[in-house]
Amino acid sequence: MSTALSMAPLFRQSIGFDRFNDLFESALRNDAGSSYPPYNVEKHADDQYRIVIAAAGFQESDLELQVERGVLTVSGGKRERSEENVTFLHQGIAQRGFKLSFRLADHIEVKSAGLANGLLSIDLLRVVPEEAKAKRIPIASERPALNS
């Protein structure tokens, strides 16, 4: 029995395709099959989205964001310990390296990213060019001749 959540029923009324569905599916199943680090994909408005990644223990210099060919890749690497004489009696804060990939829909741009209180927030915005927006087609009362 598969535990994967299929969003196909939500898009049955669509003509063509909606690649933003892929962003949600990628969020539900990571390529590595791991759930580290945990993250949320949020919708704030019709054209505004945010990915929030729990990056406890990481600093800005430990994280890297890259967009290439419509894929946003977020990676974090474990930094070298500056204090060699520290012995952990319990180490519950994982700082292992990770790599998350999100396929972005058409016209989705990464606007900003910030790290605060152990959460990496990546703001996304859908910027649809004028030629890709819906156009209203006027309906003539009489059918025009094809010869003219």
Protein backbone atom coordinates (compact mmCIF):
# COMPACT_ATOMS: atom_id res chain seq x y z
CA MET A 1 0.00 0.00 0.00
CA SER A 2 1.44 3.33 -1.03
CA THR A 3 1.43 6.21 1.41
CA ALA A 4 2.11 8.79 -1.32
CA LEU A 5 -0.53 11.48 -1.60
CA SER A 6 -1.81 11.88 -5.14
CA MET A 7 -2.99 15.35 -6.09
CA ALA A 8 -4.23 14.18 -9.50
CA PRO A 9 -7.93 14.42 -8.56
CA LEU A 10 -7.48 18.11 -7.83
CA PHE A 11 -6.24 18.78 -11.36
CA ARG A 12 -8.73 16.70 -13.37
CA GLN A 13 -10.64 19.82 -14.35
CA SER A 14 -7.51 21.34 -15.86
CA ILE A 15 -6.85 21.50 -19.56
CA GLY A 16 -3.18 21.11 -20.30
CA PHE A 17 -1.10 20.88 -17.18
CA ASP A 18 -0.20 22.75 -14.03
CA ARG A 19 3.44 22.27 -13.08
CA PHE A 20 2.94 23.86 -9.69
CA ASN A 21 1.46 20.47 -8.80
CA ASP A 22 5.00 19.13 -9.18
CA LEU A 23 6.24 21.53 -6.49
CA PHE A 24 3.78 20.06 -4.02
CA GLU A 25 4.54 16.50 -5.04
CA SER A 26 8.26 17.16 -4.64
CA ALA A 27 7.55 18.60 -1.22
CA LEU A 28 5.64 15.47 -0.25
CA ARG A 29 8.38 13.10 -1.39
CA ASN A 30 11.99 14.06 -1.20
CA ASP A 31 14.32 12.55 -3.83
CA ALA A 32 16.48 11.06 -1.10
CA GLY A 33 13.45 9.57 0.66
CA SER A 34 14.44 11.32 3.87
CA SER A 35 12.44 13.77 5.93
CA TYR A 36 15.49 15.76 7.04
CA PRO A 37 15.26 18.62 7.42
CA PRO A 38 11.52 19.10 7.84
CA TYR A 39 9.94 21.84 5.72
CA ASN A 40 6.64 23.47 4.79
CA VAL A 41 5.36 24.74 1.46
CA GLU A 42 2.97 27.65 2.06
CA LYS A 43 0.66 29.61 -0.21
CA HIS A 44 0.20 33.22 0.94
CA ALA A 45 -1.72 34.63 -2.02
CA ASP A 46 -2.63 33.62 -5.57
CA ASP A 47 0.90 34.42 -6.76
CA GLN A 48 2.94 34.29 -3.54
CA TYR A 49 4.45 31.16 -2.02
CA ARG A 50 7.01 30.38 0.68
CA ILE A 51 9.14 27.36 1.48
CA VAL A 52 10.17 27.20 5.15
CA ILE A 53 12.95 24.78 6.08
CA ALA A 54 13.88 23.93 9.67
CA ALA A 55 17.62 24.62 9.63
CA ALA A 56 18.41 24.54 13.34
CA GLY A 57 22.12 24.83 14.04
CA PHE A 58 22.98 26.13 10.57
CA GLN A 59 24.34 29.59 9.80
CA GLU A 60 23.93 31.53 6.55
CA SER A 61 27.43 30.47 5.50
CA ASP A 62 26.48 26.78 5.92
CA LEU A 63 23.54 27.03 3.48
CA GLU A 64 23.45 27.35 -0.29
CA LEU A 65 20.50 28.11 -2.58
CA GLN A 66 20.68 27.64 -6.34
CA VAL A 67 18.14 27.80 -9.16
CA GLU A 68 19.01 26.01 -12.39
CA ARG A 69 16.59 25.09 -15.19
CA GLY A 70 13.52 25.55 -13.03
CA VAL A 71 14.82 23.51 -10.08
CA LEU A 72 15.49 25.18 -6.73
CA THR A 73 18.17 23.31 -4.78
CA VAL A 74 18.78 24.01 -1.10
CA SER A 75 21.80 22.39 0.49
CA GLY A 76 23.42 22.60 3.88
CA GLY A 77 26.77 21.32 4.95
CA LYS A 78 28.09 20.46 8.36
CA ARG A 79 30.69 23.00 9.39
CA GLU A 80 33.93 22.06 11.07
CA ARG A 81 33.94 22.21 14.84
CA SER A 82 35.95 25.14 16.11
CA GLU A 83 36.28 23.69 19.61
CA GLU A 84 38.01 20.32 19.42
CA ASN A 85 37.97 19.79 23.20
CA VAL A 86 34.15 19.63 23.46
CA THR A 87 32.66 16.28 24.37
CA PHE A 88 28.93 15.95 23.78
CA LEU A 89 27.09 14.01 26.47
CA HIS A 90 24.01 14.16 24.22
CA GLN A 91 23.83 15.66 20.74
CA GLY A 92 20.20 16.01 19.70
CA ILE A 93 20.61 18.88 17.24
CA ALA A 94 21.41 17.26 13.93
CA GLN A 95 23.81 19.18 11.75
CA ARG A 96 24.26 16.59 9.07
CA GLY A 97 24.41 17.72 5.51
CA PHE A 98 21.28 17.79 3.39
CA LYS A 99 20.10 18.58 -0.11
CA LEU A 100 16.49 19.39 -1.03
CA SER A 101 15.25 19.99 -4.57
CA PHE A 102 12.00 21.66 -5.63
CA ARG A 103 10.83 21.85 -9.24
CA LEU A 104 9.41 25.33 -9.79
CA ALA A 105 6.40 25.97 -11.96
CA ASP A 106 6.55 28.20 -15.02
CA HIS A 107 7.07 31.89 -14.21
CA ILE A 108 7.94 31.20 -10.53
CA GLU A 109 10.88 33.30 -9.33
CA VAL A 110 12.79 33.19 -6.07
CA LYS A 111 12.41 36.69 -4.64
CA SER A 112 14.28 36.43 -1.34
CA ALA A 113 15.58 34.11 1.34
CA GLY A 114 16.25 34.68 5.01
CA LEU A 115 17.37 32.72 8.06
CA ALA A 116 15.79 33.64 11.40
CA ASN A 117 15.23 31.61 14.56
CA GLY A 118 16.50 28.43 12.91
CA LEU A 119 14.05 28.67 9.99
CA LEU A 120 15.16 29.28 6.41
CA SER A 121 12.36 31.07 4.54
CA ILE A 122 12.42 31.23 0.74
CA ASP A 123 9.86 33.56 -0.82
CA LEU A 124 8.59 32.71 -4.29
CA LEU A 125 6.54 34.87 -6.64
CA ARG A 126 4.67 33.95 -9.82
CA VAL A 127 5.41 36.66 -12.40
CA VAL A 128 3.32 35.98 -15.48
CA PRO A 129 4.40 37.96 -18.56
CA GLU A 130 1.74 39.97 -20.34
CA GLU A 131 1.73 37.69 -23.40
CA ALA A 132 1.00 34.66 -21.21
CA LYS A 133 -1.97 36.22 -19.40
CA ALA A 134 -5.54 35.41 -20.34
CA LYS A 135 -7.05 37.50 -23.13
CA ARG A 136 -10.71 38.26 -23.64
CA ILE A 137 -11.88 37.29 -27.13
CA PRO A 138 -14.76 39.39 -28.46
CA ILE A 139 -17.69 37.56 -30.01
CA ALA A 140 -19.11 39.11 -33.16
CA SER A 141 -22.87 39.14 -33.69
CA GLU A 142 -22.48 37.99 -37.28
CA ARG A 143 -20.04 35.42 -38.56
CA PRO A 144 -17.34 37.14 -40.65
CA ALA A 145 -16.53 35.84 -44.11
CA LEU A 146 -13.37 33.73 -44.34
CA ASN A 147 -12.26 35.40 -47.63
CA SER A 148 -11.67 38.83 -46.18
